[in-house]
Amino acid sequence: MSLCIILRGFAASALLLGACAAEEESGPADARPGYIRPGVFEKPPAQYRVSGVVATSDGKSVSGSLFSTLGKPLTLYDREAKKYITFTLSDITRIDVAIEEQQEEPYWYWKQSGSDEKVFTGGTYVWQKYATAVTFADGRKVTGDINGIVFCDSGGKLPQRFILHKRQNGAEGQKAEDIVYVKSVEVKGPAPEETTPESTSERLLSTDNIRY
């Protein structure tokens, strides 16, 4: 047995003993008083929730309590400064999305996994690229690219989910005017306290809240 293997064995044993000692001192994570296991579906902190309106390109709109993906900031690529910036909905007054580029392409797929051979169906699809302008509370306006999700809780059974795209592909045969995208997000002010018996996080466990 080489010296390297022996040393690795001693190091692994030391780590194991340290972990056991820590667990004996504090107990299993779930058993510690006041401990809450970090979860994907925790309720978004209040500072990430605002009152507002989401409008889509098909002329529809919905108002209610808005929040980004499970209480996380949104990220925008600032084209002018050439850097990424993060922000919460409470930092801004609105988001406006416009089609920057649109193209119709032949629809195809790879013949099989790992193959470089394309199979064309004879149909077409349309892709759209968007420019997103974010207006901050101090009046500053930044235009760039964003990929993110905004939820709108209007008091129904489930919040609706709206996806902010940098680029979006339509389905085969779908016309450009039929591709629905978020056109604007308007922030009205602080979000009211929830009055529904179920928490937002519990209702988000369902996958039936996908708007599109």
C-alpha atoms as a PDB file:
ATOM      1  CA  MET A   1       0.000   0.000   0.000  1.00  0.00           C
ATOM      2  CA  SER A   2       1.491   3.376  -0.989  1.00  0.00           C
ATOM      3  CA  LEU A   3       2.007   6.247   1.415  1.00  0.00           C
ATOM      4  CA  CYS A   4      -0.472   8.339  -0.609  1.00  0.00           C
ATOM      5  CA  ILE A   5      -3.272   5.799  -0.084  1.00  0.00           C
ATOM      6  CA  ILE A   6      -2.507   5.583   3.651  1.00  0.00           C
ATOM      7  CA  LEU A   7      -2.641   9.375   4.018  1.00  0.00           C
ATOM      8  CA  ARG A   8      -5.930   9.515   2.133  1.00  0.00           C
ATOM      9  CA  GLY A   9      -7.342   6.900   4.493  1.00  0.00           C
ATOM     10  CA  PHE A  10      -6.332   8.922   7.553  1.00  0.00           C
ATOM     11  CA  ALA A  11      -7.862  12.090   6.030  1.00  0.00           C
ATOM     12  CA  ALA A  12     -11.171  10.338   5.275  1.00  0.00           C
ATOM     13  CA  SER A  13     -11.310   8.945   8.821  1.00  0.00           C
ATOM     14  CA  ALA A  14     -10.730  12.385  10.304  1.00  0.00           C
ATOM     15  CA  LEU A  15     -13.545  13.897   8.224  1.00  0.00           C
ATOM     16  CA  LEU A  16     -15.930  11.103   9.240  1.00  0.00           C
ATOM     17  CA  LEU A  17     -15.127  11.536  12.948  1.00  0.00           C
ATOM     18  CA  GLY A  18     -15.612  15.290  12.667  1.00  0.00           C
ATOM     19  CA  ALA A  19     -19.024  14.863  11.006  1.00  0.00           C
ATOM     20  CA  CYS A  20     -20.148  12.386  13.672  1.00  0.00           C
ATOM     21  CA  ALA A  21     -19.049  14.692  16.473  1.00  0.00           C
ATOM     22  CA  ALA A  22     -20.948  17.608  14.947  1.00  0.00           C
ATOM     23  CA  GLU A  23     -24.104  15.510  14.624  1.00  0.00           C
ATOM     24  CA  GLU A  24     -23.851  14.310  18.221  1.00  0.00           C
ATOM     25  CA  GLU A  25     -23.534  17.903  19.391  1.00  0.00           C
ATOM     26  CA  SER A  26     -26.385  19.389  17.383  1.00  0.00           C
ATOM     27  CA  GLY A  27     -28.463  16.342  16.489  1.00  0.00           C
ATOM     28  CA  PRO A  28     -29.870  15.552  13.041  1.00  0.00           C
ATOM     29  CA  ALA A  29     -30.725  18.664  11.036  1.00  0.00           C
ATOM     30  CA  ASP A  30     -34.481  18.060  11.081  1.00  0.00           C
ATOM     31  CA  ALA A  31     -34.464  17.561  14.880  1.00  0.00           C
ATOM     32  CA  ARG A  32     -32.776  20.841  15.799  1.00  0.00           C
ATOM     33  CA  PRO A  33     -35.193  23.338  17.406  1.00  0.00           C
ATOM     34  CA  GLY A  34     -36.319  25.996  14.960  1.00  0.00           C
ATOM     35  CA  TYR A  35     -34.608  24.328  12.021  1.00  0.00           C
ATOM     36  CA  ILE A  36     -36.402  24.527   8.681  1.00  0.00           C
ATOM     37  CA  ARG A  37     -35.013  22.431   5.867  1.00  0.00           C
ATOM     38  CA  PRO A  38     -34.229  24.713   2.909  1.00  0.00           C
ATOM     39  CA  GLY A  39     -36.854  23.921   0.298  1.00  0.00           C
ATOM     40  CA  VAL A  40     -37.575  24.855  -3.271  1.00  0.00           C
ATOM     41  CA  PHE A  41     -41.150  25.754  -2.395  1.00  0.00           C
ATOM     42  CA  GLU A  42     -40.586  28.089   0.534  1.00  0.00           C
ATOM     43  CA  LYS A  43     -42.823  31.151   0.576  1.00  0.00           C
ATOM     44  CA  PRO A  44     -41.169  34.140  -1.151  1.00  0.00           C
ATOM     45  CA  PRO A  45     -39.971  36.801   1.311  1.00  0.00           C
ATOM     46  CA  ALA A  46     -42.208  39.869   1.531  1.00  0.00           C
ATOM     47  CA  GLN A  47     -39.599  42.123  -0.075  1.00  0.00           C
ATOM     48  CA  TYR A  48     -39.862  40.133  -3.300  1.00  0.00           C
ATOM     49  CA  ARG A  49     -43.639  40.488  -3.579  1.00  0.00           C
ATOM     50  CA  VAL A  50     -45.399  43.480  -5.137  1.00  0.00           C
ATOM     51  CA  SER A  51     -48.835  44.416  -6.381  1.00  0.00           C
ATOM     52  CA  GLY A  52     -49.015  44.709 -10.148  1.00  0.00           C
ATOM     53  CA  VAL A  53     -50.336  43.748 -13.571  1.00  0.00           C
ATOM     54  CA  VAL A  54     -48.963  41.358 -16.197  1.00  0.00           C
ATOM     55  CA  ALA A  55     -50.068  41.900 -19.814  1.00  0.00           C
ATOM     56  CA  THR A  56     -49.487  39.456 -22.658  1.00  0.00           C
ATOM     57  CA  SER A  57     -49.281  39.905 -26.416  1.00  0.00           C
ATOM     58  CA  ASP A  58     -52.710  38.348 -26.974  1.00  0.00           C
ATOM     59  CA  GLY A  59     -54.364  41.337 -25.323  1.00  0.00           C
ATOM     60  CA  LYS A  60     -54.994  39.683 -21.956  1.00  0.00           C
ATOM     61  CA  SER A  61     -53.889  40.917 -18.545  1.00  0.00           C
ATOM     62  CA  VAL A  62     -54.022  39.719 -14.958  1.00  0.00           C
ATOM     63  CA  SER A  63     -53.472  41.665 -11.743  1.00  0.00           C
ATOM     64  CA  GLY A  64     -52.565  40.556  -8.253  1.00  0.00           C
ATOM     65  CA  SER A  65     -49.561  39.858  -6.060  1.00  0.00           C
ATOM     66  CA  LEU A  66     -46.451  39.449  -8.231  1.00  0.00           C
ATOM     67  CA  PHE A  67     -43.225  37.705  -7.295  1.00  0.00           C
ATOM     68  CA  SER A  68     -40.264  36.253  -9.131  1.00  0.00           C
ATOM     69  CA  THR A  69     -39.257  32.608  -9.033  1.00  0.00           C
ATOM     70  CA  LEU A  70     -39.676  31.564  -5.409  1.00  0.00           C
ATOM     71  CA  GLY A  71     -38.294  34.781  -3.975  1.00  0.00           C
ATOM     72  CA  LYS A  72     -35.156  35.016  -6.101  1.00  0.00           C
ATOM     73  CA  PRO A  73     -34.033  38.174  -7.945  1.00  0.00           C
ATOM     74  CA  LEU A  74     -34.385  38.431 -11.717  1.00  0.00           C
ATOM     75  CA  THR A  75     -31.285  38.803 -13.908  1.00  0.00           C
ATOM     76  CA  LEU A  76     -30.979  41.124 -16.899  1.00  0.00           C
ATOM     77  CA  TYR A  77     -28.052  41.376 -19.301  1.00  0.00           C
ATOM     78  CA  ASP A  78     -27.370  45.094 -19.744  1.00  0.00           C
ATOM     79  CA  ARG A  79     -26.395  45.441 -23.389  1.00  0.00           C
ATOM     80  CA  GLU A  80     -24.881  48.900 -23.036  1.00  0.00           C
ATOM     81  CA  ALA A  81     -22.772  48.135 -19.973  1.00  0.00           C
ATOM     82  CA  LYS A  82     -22.147  44.576 -21.172  1.00  0.00           C
ATOM     83  CA  LYS A  83     -22.774  43.022 -17.780  1.00  0.00           C
ATOM     84  CA  TYR A  84     -25.470  41.174 -15.843  1.00  0.00           C
ATOM     85  CA  ILE A  85     -27.510  42.973 -13.207  1.00  0.00           C
ATOM     86  CA  THR A  86     -29.923  41.487 -10.697  1.00  0.00           C
ATOM     87  CA  PHE A  87     -33.038  43.123  -9.299  1.00  0.00           C
ATOM     88  CA  THR A  88     -36.256  42.347  -7.468  1.00  0.00           C
ATOM     89  CA  LEU A  89     -39.708  43.446  -8.559  1.00  0.00           C
ATOM     90  CA  SER A  90     -39.748  45.904  -5.663  1.00  0.00           C
ATOM     91  CA  ASP A  91     -36.751  47.691  -7.266  1.00  0.00           C
ATOM     92  CA  ILE A  92     -38.620  48.571 -10.471  1.00  0.00           C
ATOM     93  CA  THR A  93     -41.765  50.212 -11.807  1.00  0.00           C
ATOM     94  CA  ARG A  94     -42.217  48.212 -14.996  1.00  0.00           C
ATOM     95  CA  ILE A  95     -40.855  45.761 -17.566  1.00  0.00           C
ATOM     96  CA  ASP A  96     -41.584  46.211 -21.269  1.00  0.00           C
ATOM     97  CA  VAL A  97     -40.889  43.561 -23.892  1.00  0.00           C
ATOM     98  CA  ALA A  98     -40.730  44.129 -27.662  1.00  0.00           C
ATOM     99  CA  ILE A  99     -40.004  41.832 -30.594  1.00  0.00           C
ATOM    100  CA  GLU A 100     -36.530  42.751 -31.818  1.00  0.00           C
ATOM    101  CA  GLU A 101     -36.110  40.101 -34.496  1.00  0.00           C
ATOM    102  CA  GLN A 102     -38.395  37.526 -36.093  1.00  0.00           C
ATOM    103  CA  GLN A 103     -37.673  34.811 -38.620  1.00  0.00           C
ATOM    104  CA  GLU A 104     -39.451  31.889 -40.254  1.00  0.00           C
ATOM    105  CA  GLU A 105     -37.316  28.760 -40.634  1.00  0.00           C
ATOM    106  CA  PRO A 106     -37.783  25.247 -42.088  1.00  0.00           C
ATOM    107  CA  TYR A 107     -38.807  22.809 -39.367  1.00  0.00           C
ATOM    108  CA  TRP A 108     -36.377  19.910 -38.881  1.00  0.00           C
ATOM    109  CA  TYR A 109     -35.139  17.422 -36.321  1.00  0.00           C
ATOM    110  CA  TRP A 110     -32.077  15.227 -35.879  1.00  0.00           C
ATOM    111  CA  LYS A 111     -32.512  11.835 -37.537  1.00  0.00           C
ATOM    112  CA  GLN A 112     -31.397  10.075 -34.368  1.00  0.00           C
ATOM    113  CA  SER A 113     -29.554  10.797 -31.147  1.00  0.00           C
ATOM    114  CA  GLY A 114     -25.919  11.676 -31.803  1.00  0.00           C
ATOM    115  CA  SER A 115     -26.491  12.027 -35.540  1.00  0.00           C
ATOM    116  CA  ASP A 116     -25.531  15.135 -37.505  1.00  0.00           C
ATOM    117  CA  GLU A 117     -28.147  14.396 -40.171  1.00  0.00           C
ATOM    118  CA  LYS A 118     -31.193  16.669 -40.237  1.00  0.00           C
ATOM    119  CA  VAL A 119     -34.643  15.544 -41.328  1.00  0.00           C
ATOM    120  CA  PHE A 120     -36.811  18.309 -42.787  1.00  0.00           C
ATOM    121  CA  THR A 121     -40.577  17.914 -42.380  1.00  0.00           C
ATOM    122  CA  GLY A 122     -41.642  20.352 -45.079  1.00  0.00           C
ATOM    123  CA  GLY A 123     -43.219  22.599 -42.471  1.00  0.00           C
ATOM    124  CA  THR A 124     -41.907  25.803 -40.936  1.00  0.00           C
ATOM    125  CA  TYR A 125     -41.694  27.461 -37.538  1.00  0.00           C
ATOM    126  CA  VAL A 126     -41.221  31.047 -36.401  1.00  0.00           C
ATOM    127  CA  TRP A 127     -38.717  32.214 -33.799  1.00  0.00           C
ATOM    128  CA  GLN A 128     -38.744  35.561 -32.070  1.00  0.00           C
ATOM    129  CA  LYS A 129     -35.989  37.436 -30.249  1.00  0.00           C
ATOM    130  CA  TYR A 130     -36.993  40.021 -27.666  1.00  0.00           C
ATOM    131  CA  ALA A 131     -35.545  43.227 -26.265  1.00  0.00           C
ATOM    132  CA  THR A 132     -36.544  43.797 -22.643  1.00  0.00           C
ATOM    133  CA  ALA A 133     -36.557  47.284 -21.075  1.00  0.00           C
ATOM    134  CA  VAL A 134     -36.576  47.507 -17.286  1.00  0.00           C
ATOM    135  CA  THR A 135     -37.522  50.824 -15.657  1.00  0.00           C
ATOM    136  CA  PHE A 136     -36.197  51.183 -12.117  1.00  0.00           C
ATOM    137  CA  ALA A 137     -37.814  53.097  -9.281  1.00  0.00           C
ATOM    138  CA  ASP A 138     -35.256  55.921  -9.646  1.00  0.00           C
ATOM    139  CA  GLY A 139     -36.257  56.429 -13.295  1.00  0.00           C
ATOM    140  CA  ARG A 140     -33.242  54.662 -14.754  1.00  0.00           C
ATOM    141  CA  LYS A 141     -34.058  52.497 -17.778  1.00  0.00           C
ATOM    142  CA  VAL A 142     -31.934  49.521 -18.838  1.00  0.00           C
ATOM    143  CA  THR A 143     -32.486  47.515 -22.008  1.00  0.00           C
ATOM    144  CA  GLY A 144     -31.174  44.013 -22.487  1.00  0.00           C
ATOM    145  CA  ASP A 145     -31.942  40.318 -22.406  1.00  0.00           C
ATOM    146  CA  ILE A 146     -33.747  38.382 -19.714  1.00  0.00           C
ATOM    147  CA  ASN A 147     -34.784  34.824 -18.961  1.00  0.00           C
ATOM    148  CA  GLY A 148     -36.979  34.511 -15.897  1.00  0.00           C
ATOM    149  CA  ILE A 149     -40.373  33.773 -14.425  1.00  0.00           C
ATOM    150  CA  VAL A 150     -42.918  36.069 -12.790  1.00  0.00           C
ATOM    151  CA  PHE A 151     -45.802  34.593 -10.802  1.00  0.00           C
ATOM    152  CA  CYS A 152     -49.104  36.402 -10.374  1.00  0.00           C
ATOM    153  CA  ASP A 153     -51.283  35.439  -7.422  1.00  0.00           C
ATOM    154  CA  SER A 154     -54.721  36.915  -8.062  1.00  0.00           C
ATOM    155  CA  GLY A 155     -56.378  35.085  -5.184  1.00  0.00           C
ATOM    156  CA  GLY A 156     -57.418  32.015  -7.148  1.00  0.00           C
ATOM    157  CA  LYS A 157     -56.564  28.427  -6.437  1.00  0.00           C
ATOM    158  CA  LEU A 158     -53.137  28.696  -8.041  1.00  0.00           C
ATOM    159  CA  PRO A 159     -50.816  31.547  -9.054  1.00  0.00           C
ATOM    160  CA  GLN A 160     -50.253  31.922 -12.791  1.00  0.00           C
ATOM    161  CA  ARG A 161     -46.749  31.613 -14.169  1.00  0.00           C
ATOM    162  CA  PHE A 162     -45.466  33.994 -16.856  1.00  0.00           C
ATOM    163  CA  ILE A 163     -42.155  33.333 -18.596  1.00  0.00           C
ATOM    164  CA  LEU A 164     -39.916  36.193 -19.696  1.00  0.00           C
ATOM    165  CA  HIS A 165     -37.965  35.018 -22.742  1.00  0.00           C
ATOM    166  CA  LYS A 166     -34.808  36.168 -24.438  1.00  0.00           C
ATOM    167  CA  ARG A 167     -35.845  34.130 -27.469  1.00  0.00           C
ATOM    168  CA  GLN A 168     -38.813  31.878 -28.138  1.00  0.00           C
ATOM    169  CA  ASN A 169     -39.587  29.294 -30.824  1.00  0.00           C
ATOM    170  CA  GLY A 170     -43.110  28.754 -32.051  1.00  0.00           C
ATOM    171  CA  ALA A 171     -44.568  25.338 -32.782  1.00  0.00           C
ATOM    172  CA  GLU A 172     -44.456  23.836 -36.278  1.00  0.00           C
ATOM    173  CA  GLY A 173     -46.984  25.614 -38.479  1.00  0.00           C
ATOM    174  CA  GLN A 174     -47.741  28.280 -35.847  1.00  0.00           C
ATOM    175  CA  LYS A 175     -48.042  31.824 -37.146  1.00  0.00           C
ATOM    176  CA  ALA A 176     -46.051  34.680 -35.648  1.00  0.00           C
ATOM    177  CA  GLU A 177     -49.148  36.456 -34.346  1.00  0.00           C
ATOM    178  CA  ASP A 178     -50.161  33.317 -32.425  1.00  0.00           C
ATOM    179  CA  ILE A 179     -46.980  33.189 -30.340  1.00  0.00           C
ATOM    180  CA  VAL A 180     -47.899  34.556 -26.923  1.00  0.00           C
ATOM    181  CA  TYR A 181     -45.269  36.354 -24.862  1.00  0.00           C
ATOM    182  CA  VAL A 182     -45.201  38.679 -21.859  1.00  0.00           C
ATOM    183  CA  LYS A 183     -45.599  42.210 -23.198  1.00  0.00           C
ATOM    184  CA  SER A 184     -45.333  44.127 -19.929  1.00  0.00           C
ATOM    185  CA  VAL A 185     -45.134  43.847 -16.161  1.00  0.00           C
ATOM    186  CA  GLU A 186     -46.334  46.915 -14.243  1.00  0.00           C
ATOM    187  CA  VAL A 187     -45.573  47.332 -10.560  1.00  0.00           C
ATOM    188  CA  LYS A 188     -48.273  49.215  -8.642  1.00  0.00           C
ATOM    189  CA  GLY A 189     -46.831  49.099  -5.134  1.00  0.00           C
ATOM    190  CA  PRO A 190     -46.307  46.816  -2.125  1.00  0.00           C
ATOM    191  CA  ALA A 191     -48.210  43.527  -2.147  1.00  0.00           C
ATOM    192  CA  PRO A 192     -51.091  43.113   0.308  1.00  0.00           C
ATOM    193  CA  GLU A 193     -50.900  40.400   2.934  1.00  0.00           C
ATOM    194  CA  GLU A 194     -52.145  37.001   1.826  1.00  0.00           C
ATOM    195  CA  THR A 195     -55.642  36.192   3.014  1.00  0.00           C
ATOM    196  CA  THR A 196     -56.018  32.760   1.450  1.00  0.00           C
ATOM    197  CA  PRO A 197     -55.926  29.765   3.813  1.00  0.00           C
ATOM    198  CA  GLU A 198     -53.158  28.048   1.870  1.00  0.00           C
ATOM    199  CA  SER A 199     -49.727  29.599   1.566  1.00  0.00           C
ATOM    200  CA  THR A 200     -48.343  30.548  -1.816  1.00  0.00           C
ATOM    201  CA  SER A 201     -45.626  27.914  -1.480  1.00  0.00           C
ATOM    202  CA  GLU A 202     -48.132  25.119  -0.894  1.00  0.00           C
ATOM    203  CA  ARG A 203     -50.165  26.074  -3.932  1.00  0.00           C
ATOM    204  CA  LEU A 204     -47.043  26.257  -6.083  1.00  0.00           C
ATOM    205  CA  LEU A 205     -46.453  22.550  -5.511  1.00  0.00           C
ATOM    206  CA  SER A 206     -49.009  21.906  -8.253  1.00  0.00           C
ATOM    207  CA  THR A 207     -47.848  21.926 -11.862  1.00  0.00           C
ATOM    208  CA  ASP A 208     -51.241  23.112 -13.118  1.00  0.00           C
ATOM    209  CA  ASN A 209     -50.292  26.775 -12.786  1.00  0.00           C
ATOM    210  CA  ILE A 210     -48.406  27.056 -16.067  1.00  0.00           C
ATOM    211  CA  ARG A 211     -49.828  29.964 -18.063  1.00  0.00           C
ATOM    212  CA  TYR A 212     -47.903  29.053 -21.234  1.00  0.00           C
END
